[in-house]
Amino acid sequence: MIAVGDARYKVGQYDKAGSIFYRAYYMTMHSSDSINAPNTFPVAHKMLQAWTKSKEEHVLKMAHGMAEQTCMMPGCPPYICQDMNDVETAMKKKGMKVESMMNAFRGF
């Protein structure tokens, strides 16, 4: 599955590549004893890199949410937080408002 995502990425089909990487990420997360096993992070990285190149606002919002969630996972490597910064930069370039999903929990 990763090879198919890589091929889609190489030909510039970033949304499709990201979706394939998302499925691989989900499978990787659920194939181990822990959802934050170290082998999930490289797959998440590929997913986030692909979605960061999207021209679609909803894809960028999804990428931001996934990056934010992944950054909160124990053992998250620094490159995932850099991916989140890259997503935020891409969102700002499109004039999008960057909001933390944690804002929904304020006031509880």
C-alpha atoms as a PDB file:
ATOM      1  CA  MET A   1       0.000   0.000   0.000  1.00  0.00           C
ATOM      2  CA  ILE A   2       2.871   2.375   0.809  1.00  0.00           C
ATOM      3  CA  ALA A   3       4.367   1.762  -2.656  1.00  0.00           C
ATOM      4  CA  VAL A   4       1.075   2.753  -4.318  1.00  0.00           C
ATOM      5  CA  GLY A   5       0.936   5.909  -2.193  1.00  0.00           C
ATOM      6  CA  ASP A   6       4.534   6.710  -3.097  1.00  0.00           C
ATOM      7  CA  ALA A   7       3.741   6.281  -6.796  1.00  0.00           C
ATOM      8  CA  ARG A   8       0.698   8.571  -6.556  1.00  0.00           C
ATOM      9  CA  TYR A   9       2.815  11.143  -4.699  1.00  0.00           C
ATOM     10  CA  LYS A  10       5.539  11.053  -7.371  1.00  0.00           C
ATOM     11  CA  VAL A  11       3.046  11.869 -10.126  1.00  0.00           C
ATOM     12  CA  GLY A  12       1.538  14.746  -8.148  1.00  0.00           C
ATOM     13  CA  GLN A  13      -1.699  13.062  -7.046  1.00  0.00           C
ATOM     14  CA  TYR A  14      -1.283  14.341  -3.502  1.00  0.00           C
ATOM     15  CA  ASP A  15      -4.872  13.959  -2.287  1.00  0.00           C
ATOM     16  CA  LYS A  16      -5.032  10.361  -3.510  1.00  0.00           C
ATOM     17  CA  ALA A  17      -1.579   9.591  -2.124  1.00  0.00           C
ATOM     18  CA  GLY A  18      -2.555  11.022   1.255  1.00  0.00           C
ATOM     19  CA  SER A  19      -5.721   8.925   1.318  1.00  0.00           C
ATOM     20  CA  ILE A  20      -3.748   5.780   0.559  1.00  0.00           C
ATOM     21  CA  PHE A  21      -1.225   6.667   3.255  1.00  0.00           C
ATOM     22  CA  TYR A  22      -4.141   7.301   5.645  1.00  0.00           C
ATOM     23  CA  ARG A  23      -5.397   3.756   5.077  1.00  0.00           C
ATOM     24  CA  ALA A  24      -1.878   2.426   5.609  1.00  0.00           C
ATOM     25  CA  TYR A  25      -1.578   4.529   8.780  1.00  0.00           C
ATOM     26  CA  TYR A  26      -4.860   3.159  10.106  1.00  0.00           C
ATOM     27  CA  MET A  27      -3.792  -0.416   9.330  1.00  0.00           C
ATOM     28  CA  THR A  28      -0.398   0.145  10.968  1.00  0.00           C
ATOM     29  CA  MET A  29      -2.014   1.637  14.069  1.00  0.00           C
ATOM     30  CA  HIS A  30      -4.306  -1.326  14.516  1.00  0.00           C
ATOM     31  CA  SER A  31      -1.793  -4.049  13.689  1.00  0.00           C
ATOM     32  CA  SER A  32       0.237  -3.598  16.875  1.00  0.00           C
ATOM     33  CA  ASP A  33      -0.395  -3.680  20.610  1.00  0.00           C
ATOM     34  CA  SER A  34      -0.433   0.110  20.858  1.00  0.00           C
ATOM     35  CA  ILE A  35      -1.950   2.738  18.582  1.00  0.00           C
ATOM     36  CA  ASN A  36       1.127   4.889  19.076  1.00  0.00           C
ATOM     37  CA  ALA A  37       3.671   2.239  18.148  1.00  0.00           C
ATOM     38  CA  PRO A  38       6.816   3.788  16.649  1.00  0.00           C
ATOM     39  CA  ASN A  39       6.135   2.267  13.216  1.00  0.00           C
ATOM     40  CA  THR A  40       3.020   4.448  12.784  1.00  0.00           C
ATOM     41  CA  PHE A  41       4.920   7.722  12.711  1.00  0.00           C
ATOM     42  CA  PRO A  42       6.737   7.297   9.358  1.00  0.00           C
ATOM     43  CA  VAL A  43       3.415   6.427   7.699  1.00  0.00           C
ATOM     44  CA  ALA A  44       1.748   9.458   9.295  1.00  0.00           C
ATOM     45  CA  HIS A  45       4.657  11.557   8.028  1.00  0.00           C
ATOM     46  CA  LYS A  46       4.044  10.457   4.431  1.00  0.00           C
ATOM     47  CA  MET A  47       0.317  11.096   4.806  1.00  0.00           C
ATOM     48  CA  LEU A  48       0.873  14.594   6.179  1.00  0.00           C
ATOM     49  CA  GLN A  49       3.459  15.478   3.555  1.00  0.00           C
ATOM     50  CA  ALA A  50       1.062  14.485   0.788  1.00  0.00           C
ATOM     51  CA  TRP A  51      -1.938  16.302   2.225  1.00  0.00           C
ATOM     52  CA  THR A  52       0.143  19.444   2.853  1.00  0.00           C
ATOM     53  CA  LYS A  53       0.499  19.781  -0.926  1.00  0.00           C
ATOM     54  CA  SER A  54      -3.269  19.657  -1.475  1.00  0.00           C
ATOM     55  CA  LYS A  55      -5.111  22.514  -3.093  1.00  0.00           C
ATOM     56  CA  GLU A  56      -8.327  21.548  -1.275  1.00  0.00           C
ATOM     57  CA  GLU A  57      -9.143  23.374   1.963  1.00  0.00           C
ATOM     58  CA  HIS A  58     -10.972  20.403   3.491  1.00  0.00           C
ATOM     59  CA  VAL A  59      -7.910  18.219   2.918  1.00  0.00           C
ATOM     60  CA  LEU A  60      -5.657  20.789   4.586  1.00  0.00           C
ATOM     61  CA  LYS A  61      -8.038  20.955   7.558  1.00  0.00           C
ATOM     62  CA  MET A  62      -7.988  17.172   7.794  1.00  0.00           C
ATOM     63  CA  ALA A  63      -4.182  17.193   7.618  1.00  0.00           C
ATOM     64  CA  HIS A  64      -4.028  19.747  10.397  1.00  0.00           C
ATOM     65  CA  GLY A  65      -6.307  17.708  12.631  1.00  0.00           C
ATOM     66  CA  MET A  66      -4.349  14.524  12.008  1.00  0.00           C
ATOM     67  CA  ALA A  67      -1.048  16.315  12.635  1.00  0.00           C
ATOM     68  CA  GLU A  68      -2.345  17.820  15.848  1.00  0.00           C
ATOM     69  CA  GLN A  69      -3.596  14.455  17.094  1.00  0.00           C
ATOM     70  CA  THR A  70      -0.367  12.724  16.159  1.00  0.00           C
ATOM     71  CA  CYS A  71       1.734  15.382  17.909  1.00  0.00           C
ATOM     72  CA  MET A  72      -0.137  14.580  21.127  1.00  0.00           C
ATOM     73  CA  MET A  73       0.774  10.899  20.984  1.00  0.00           C
ATOM     74  CA  PRO A  74       3.487   9.741  23.391  1.00  0.00           C
ATOM     75  CA  GLY A  75       6.802   9.264  21.619  1.00  0.00           C
ATOM     76  CA  CYS A  76       5.882  11.469  18.685  1.00  0.00           C
ATOM     77  CA  PRO A  77       9.057  12.388  16.780  1.00  0.00           C
ATOM     78  CA  PRO A  78       9.844  16.050  16.070  1.00  0.00           C
ATOM     79  CA  TYR A  79       9.364  15.647  12.324  1.00  0.00           C
ATOM     80  CA  ILE A  80       5.607  15.195  12.857  1.00  0.00           C
ATOM     81  CA  CYS A  81       5.420  18.542  14.672  1.00  0.00           C
ATOM     82  CA  GLN A  82       7.327  20.058  11.757  1.00  0.00           C
ATOM     83  CA  ASP A  83       4.703  18.523   9.453  1.00  0.00           C
ATOM     84  CA  MET A  84       2.043  20.324  11.491  1.00  0.00           C
ATOM     85  CA  ASN A  85       3.925  23.604  11.038  1.00  0.00           C
ATOM     86  CA  ASP A  86       4.110  22.925   7.296  1.00  0.00           C
ATOM     87  CA  VAL A  87       0.354  22.267   7.143  1.00  0.00           C
ATOM     88  CA  GLU A  88      -0.300  25.513   9.021  1.00  0.00           C
ATOM     89  CA  THR A  89       1.946  27.413   6.598  1.00  0.00           C
ATOM     90  CA  ALA A  90       0.055  25.927   3.630  1.00  0.00           C
ATOM     91  CA  MET A  91      -3.261  26.861   5.252  1.00  0.00           C
ATOM     92  CA  LYS A  92      -2.149  30.433   5.884  1.00  0.00           C
ATOM     93  CA  LYS A  93      -0.968  30.770   2.261  1.00  0.00           C
ATOM     94  CA  LYS A  94      -4.513  29.912   1.188  1.00  0.00           C
ATOM     95  CA  GLY A  95      -5.909  32.497   3.625  1.00  0.00           C
ATOM     96  CA  MET A  96      -7.363  29.832   5.879  1.00  0.00           C
ATOM     97  CA  LYS A  97      -7.811  30.276   9.598  1.00  0.00           C
ATOM     98  CA  VAL A  98      -5.730  27.831  11.628  1.00  0.00           C
ATOM     99  CA  GLU A  99      -7.643  26.594  14.646  1.00  0.00           C
ATOM    100  CA  SER A 100      -6.674  24.013  17.214  1.00  0.00           C
ATOM    101  CA  MET A 101      -9.120  21.162  17.614  1.00  0.00           C
ATOM    102  CA  MET A 102      -8.569  21.589  21.338  1.00  0.00           C
ATOM    103  CA  ASN A 103     -10.556  24.851  21.163  1.00  0.00           C
ATOM    104  CA  ALA A 104     -13.702  22.720  21.108  1.00  0.00           C
ATOM    105  CA  PHE A 105     -12.882  21.497  24.610  1.00  0.00           C
ATOM    106  CA  ARG A 106     -12.321  24.907  26.189  1.00  0.00           C
ATOM    107  CA  GLY A 107     -14.864  25.741  28.833  1.00  0.00           C
ATOM    108  CA  PHE A 108     -15.577  22.176  29.913  1.00  0.00           C
END
